[in-house]
C-alpha atoms as a PDB file:
ATOM      1  CA  UNK A   1      40.562  60.629   4.967  1.00  0.00           C
ATOM      2  CA  UNK A   2      43.673  62.013   6.642  1.00  0.00           C
ATOM      3  CA  UNK A   3      46.302  63.571   4.364  1.00  0.00           C
ATOM      4  CA  UNK A   4      49.847  62.671   5.394  1.00  0.00           C
ATOM      5  CA  UNK A   5      53.145  63.559   3.729  1.00  0.00           C
ATOM      6  CA  UNK A   6      56.192  61.335   3.325  1.00  0.00           C
ATOM      7  CA  UNK A   7      59.778  62.412   2.665  1.00  0.00           C
ATOM      8  CA  UNK A   8      61.988  60.239   0.490  1.00  0.00           C
ATOM      9  CA  UNK A   9      65.454  61.495   1.404  1.00  0.00           C
ATOM     10  CA  UNK A  10      68.293  60.051  -0.691  1.00  0.00           C
ATOM     11  CA  UNK A  11      71.984  60.427   0.128  1.00  0.00           C
ATOM     12  CA  UNK A  12      74.788  58.644  -1.713  1.00  0.00           C
ATOM     13  CA  UNK A  13      72.345  56.126  -3.206  1.00  0.00           C
ATOM     14  CA  UNK A  14      70.783  55.328   0.181  1.00  0.00           C
ATOM     15  CA  UNK A  15      67.251  56.109   1.379  1.00  0.00           C
ATOM     16  CA  UNK A  16      66.332  57.288   4.874  1.00  0.00           C
ATOM     17  CA  UNK A  17      63.962  55.074   6.856  1.00  0.00           C
ATOM     18  CA  UNK A  18      62.776  55.994  10.355  1.00  0.00           C
ATOM     19  CA  UNK A  19      61.302  53.669  12.993  1.00  0.00           C
ATOM     20  CA  UNK A  20      58.272  54.992  14.865  1.00  0.00           C
ATOM     21  CA  UNK A  21      58.996  55.474  18.541  1.00  0.00           C
ATOM     22  CA  UNK A  22      57.407  53.957  21.612  1.00  0.00           C
ATOM     23  CA  UNK A  23      53.850  55.092  22.296  1.00  0.00           C
ATOM     24  CA  UNK A  24      53.284  56.294  18.711  1.00  0.00           C
ATOM     25  CA  UNK A  25      50.620  54.933  16.348  1.00  0.00           C
ATOM     26  CA  UNK A  26      52.287  52.071  14.425  1.00  0.00           C
ATOM     27  CA  UNK A  27      55.082  51.895  17.027  1.00  0.00           C
ATOM     28  CA  UNK A  28      58.106  49.924  15.828  1.00  0.00           C
ATOM     29  CA  UNK A  29      57.202  50.101  12.133  1.00  0.00           C
ATOM     30  CA  UNK A  30      59.511  51.837   9.669  1.00  0.00           C
ATOM     31  CA  UNK A  31      58.365  54.717   7.505  1.00  0.00           C
ATOM     32  CA  UNK A  32      59.340  57.512   5.221  1.00  0.00           C
ATOM     33  CA  UNK A  33      59.182  60.410   7.703  1.00  0.00           C
ATOM     34  CA  UNK A  34      56.578  63.136   7.430  1.00  0.00           C
ATOM     35  CA  UNK A  35      53.262  63.946   9.020  1.00  0.00           C
ATOM     36  CA  UNK A  36      49.713  65.244   8.844  1.00  0.00           C
ATOM     37  CA  UNK A  37      48.846  68.363   6.914  1.00  0.00           C
ATOM     38  CA  UNK A  38      47.624  71.247   9.035  1.00  0.00           C
ATOM     39  CA  UNK A  39      44.831  73.550   7.783  1.00  0.00           C
ATOM     40  CA  UNK A  40      46.027  75.928   5.066  1.00  0.00           C
ATOM     41  CA  UNK A  41      49.305  74.064   4.560  1.00  0.00           C
ATOM     42  CA  UNK A  42      50.556  72.657   1.255  1.00  0.00           C
ATOM     43  CA  UNK A  43      52.105  69.173   1.302  1.00  0.00           C
ATOM     44  CA  UNK A  44      55.505  70.748   0.639  1.00  0.00           C
ATOM     45  CA  UNK A  45      55.161  73.162   3.587  1.00  0.00           C
ATOM     46  CA  UNK A  46      53.992  70.293   5.782  1.00  0.00           C
ATOM     47  CA  UNK A  47      57.021  68.155   4.942  1.00  0.00           C
ATOM     48  CA  UNK A  48      59.519  70.938   5.599  1.00  0.00           C
ATOM     49  CA  UNK A  49      57.838  71.687   8.958  1.00  0.00           C
ATOM     50  CA  UNK A  50      57.609  68.032   9.990  1.00  0.00           C
ATOM     51  CA  UNK A  51      61.262  67.328   9.178  1.00  0.00           C
ATOM     52  CA  UNK A  52      62.330  70.319  11.267  1.00  0.00           C
ATOM     53  CA  UNK A  53      60.096  69.198  14.173  1.00  0.00           C
ATOM     54  CA  UNK A  54      60.973  65.483  13.986  1.00  0.00           C
ATOM     55  CA  UNK A  55      64.705  65.700  13.210  1.00  0.00           C
ATOM     56  CA  UNK A  56      65.844  69.317  13.619  1.00  0.00           C
ATOM     57  CA  UNK A  57      67.014  69.487   9.990  1.00  0.00           C
ATOM     58  CA  UNK A  58      66.562  71.930   7.139  1.00  0.00           C
ATOM     59  CA  UNK A  59      65.348  70.429   3.895  1.00  0.00           C
ATOM     60  CA  UNK A  60      64.170  71.253   0.411  1.00  0.00           C
ATOM     61  CA  UNK A  61      61.062  69.506  -0.860  1.00  0.00           C
ATOM     62  CA  UNK A  62      61.354  68.518  -4.495  1.00  0.00           C
ATOM     63  CA  UNK A  63      59.515  66.360  -6.993  1.00  0.00           C
ATOM     64  CA  UNK A  64      56.210  64.623  -6.207  1.00  0.00           C
ATOM     65  CA  UNK A  65      56.818  60.854  -6.359  1.00  0.00           C
ATOM     66  CA  UNK A  66      53.395  59.338  -5.816  1.00  0.00           C
ATOM     67  CA  UNK A  67      50.818  58.442  -3.223  1.00  0.00           C
ATOM     68  CA  UNK A  68      49.209  55.538  -1.458  1.00  0.00           C
ATOM     69  CA  UNK A  69      45.881  55.145   0.330  1.00  0.00           C
ATOM     70  CA  UNK A  70      45.603  52.733   3.232  1.00  0.00           C
ATOM     71  CA  UNK A  71      42.684  51.844   5.509  1.00  0.00           C
ATOM     72  CA  UNK A  72      43.932  51.142   9.035  1.00  0.00           C
ATOM     73  CA  UNK A  73      40.388  50.353  10.171  1.00  0.00           C
ATOM     74  CA  UNK A  74      40.076  53.229  12.652  1.00  0.00           C
ATOM     75  CA  UNK A  75      41.285  55.692   9.994  1.00  0.00           C
ATOM     76  CA  UNK A  76      42.100  55.966   6.299  1.00  0.00           C
ATOM     77  CA  UNK A  77      45.236  57.826   5.299  1.00  0.00           C
ATOM     78  CA  UNK A  78      46.397  59.169   1.975  1.00  0.00           C
ATOM     79  CA  UNK A  79      50.199  59.226   1.996  1.00  0.00           C
ATOM     80  CA  UNK A  80      51.705  61.798  -0.395  1.00  0.00           C
ATOM     81  CA  UNK A  81      55.421  61.221  -1.125  1.00  0.00           C
ATOM     82  CA  UNK A  82      58.019  63.727  -2.311  1.00  0.00           C
ATOM     83  CA  UNK A  83      61.726  63.620  -3.018  1.00  0.00           C
ATOM     84  CA  UNK A  84      63.472  65.682  -0.349  1.00  0.00           C
ATOM     85  CA  UNK A  85      67.019  67.026  -0.102  1.00  0.00           C
ATOM     86  CA  UNK A  86      68.662  67.331   3.320  1.00  0.00           C
ATOM     87  CA  UNK A  87      70.234  70.804   3.360  1.00  0.00           C
ATOM     88  CA  UNK A  88      71.591  71.254   6.885  1.00  0.00           C
ATOM     89  CA  UNK A  89      71.525  69.993  10.453  1.00  0.00           C
ATOM     90  CA  UNK A  90      72.361  66.762  12.247  1.00  0.00           C
ATOM     91  CA  UNK A  91      69.491  64.290  12.571  1.00  0.00           C
ATOM     92  CA  UNK A  92      68.054  64.294  16.106  1.00  0.00           C
ATOM     93  CA  UNK A  93      65.398  61.720  17.015  1.00  0.00           C
ATOM     94  CA  UNK A  94      62.259  63.253  18.550  1.00  0.00           C
ATOM     95  CA  UNK A  95      59.403  61.051  17.256  1.00  0.00           C
ATOM     96  CA  UNK A  96      61.460  58.069  16.089  1.00  0.00           C
ATOM     97  CA  UNK A  97      63.795  55.769  18.002  1.00  0.00           C
ATOM     98  CA  UNK A  98      66.081  54.814  15.113  1.00  0.00           C
ATOM     99  CA  UNK A  99      66.952  55.848  11.568  1.00  0.00           C
ATOM    100  CA  UNK A 100      68.751  53.849   8.904  1.00  0.00           C
ATOM    101  CA  UNK A 101      70.124  54.656   5.476  1.00  0.00           C
ATOM    102  CA  UNK A 102      69.030  51.731   3.296  1.00  0.00           C
ATOM    103  CA  UNK A 103      70.381  50.622  -0.058  1.00  0.00           C
ATOM    104  CA  UNK A 104      68.123  49.341  -2.833  1.00  0.00           C
ATOM    105  CA  UNK A 105      68.863  45.778  -1.682  1.00  0.00           C
ATOM    106  CA  UNK A 106      68.122  46.529   1.971  1.00  0.00           C
ATOM    107  CA  UNK A 107      64.701  48.106   1.455  1.00  0.00           C
ATOM    108  CA  UNK A 108      62.904  44.925   2.565  1.00  0.00           C
ATOM    109  CA  UNK A 109      65.142  44.342   5.616  1.00  0.00           C
ATOM    110  CA  UNK A 110      62.840  46.427   7.840  1.00  0.00           C
ATOM    111  CA  UNK A 111      59.139  46.104   8.638  1.00  0.00           C
ATOM    112  CA  UNK A 112      57.456  49.013   6.862  1.00  0.00           C
ATOM    113  CA  UNK A 113      54.179  50.602   7.944  1.00  0.00           C
ATOM    114  CA  UNK A 114      51.489  49.270   5.577  1.00  0.00           C
ATOM    115  CA  UNK A 115      50.772  52.670   4.008  1.00  0.00           C
ATOM    116  CA  UNK A 116      54.457  53.067   3.073  1.00  0.00           C
ATOM    117  CA  UNK A 117      54.820  49.682   1.340  1.00  0.00           C
ATOM    118  CA  UNK A 118      53.292  50.763  -2.020  1.00  0.00           C
ATOM    119  CA  UNK A 119      55.836  53.610  -2.153  1.00  0.00           C
ATOM    120  CA  UNK A 120      58.792  51.202  -2.093  1.00  0.00           C
ATOM    121  CA  UNK A 121      58.501  50.434  -5.821  1.00  0.00           C
ATOM    122  CA  UNK A 122      58.462  54.163  -6.630  1.00  0.00           C
ATOM    123  CA  UNK A 123      61.552  54.657  -4.487  1.00  0.00           C
ATOM    124  CA  UNK A 124      63.392  51.726  -6.095  1.00  0.00           C
ATOM    125  CA  UNK A 125      62.591  53.191  -9.515  1.00  0.00           C
ATOM    126  CA  UNK A 126      63.895  56.595  -8.384  1.00  0.00           C
ATOM    127  CA  UNK A 127      67.154  55.031  -7.171  1.00  0.00           C
ATOM    128  CA  UNK A 128      67.640  53.171 -10.432  1.00  0.00           C
ATOM    129  CA  UNK A 129      67.233  56.430 -12.419  1.00  0.00           C
ATOM    130  CA  UNK A 130      70.091  58.117 -10.545  1.00  0.00           C
END
C-alpha cells in the first residue's frame, strides 16, 4: 500500500482542486494536491514539501480530515487528507495543468480521481461548519 497525502485548501469558502497534467498517472483527473510520503517523513511534512514542489507556495498543515483507500489494480493507495492553509506565494503549475477554486455546489463539476471521491463528503462537511 502506498501512502499519499492530500491537501484540502480552503479560501473564501472555496476549495482548491488541481487537474493532473499530461503524462502523469491519472492524467486529466482532478484531485486534492499532495503526494507520496518519503521514508522518515510525517504526512504533515510530506504535504508541506509537496505543495512547495508542485505549486511553489508556503503552507501550514492543520487538522486531519480523514482518509480513503483505493485499489487502482496495479497499486493500492491510502490517501490521507488534511486541512491546509495557504500562507504565501503565487500558485505555479508544475505537475498540474489547471487549478480551480470550487464552491460547495461546484464540487461535482469536475472528474475527480477515484481515490479522492470519498473525501468529497468530508470536505463538504468542513465547508458547512465554517
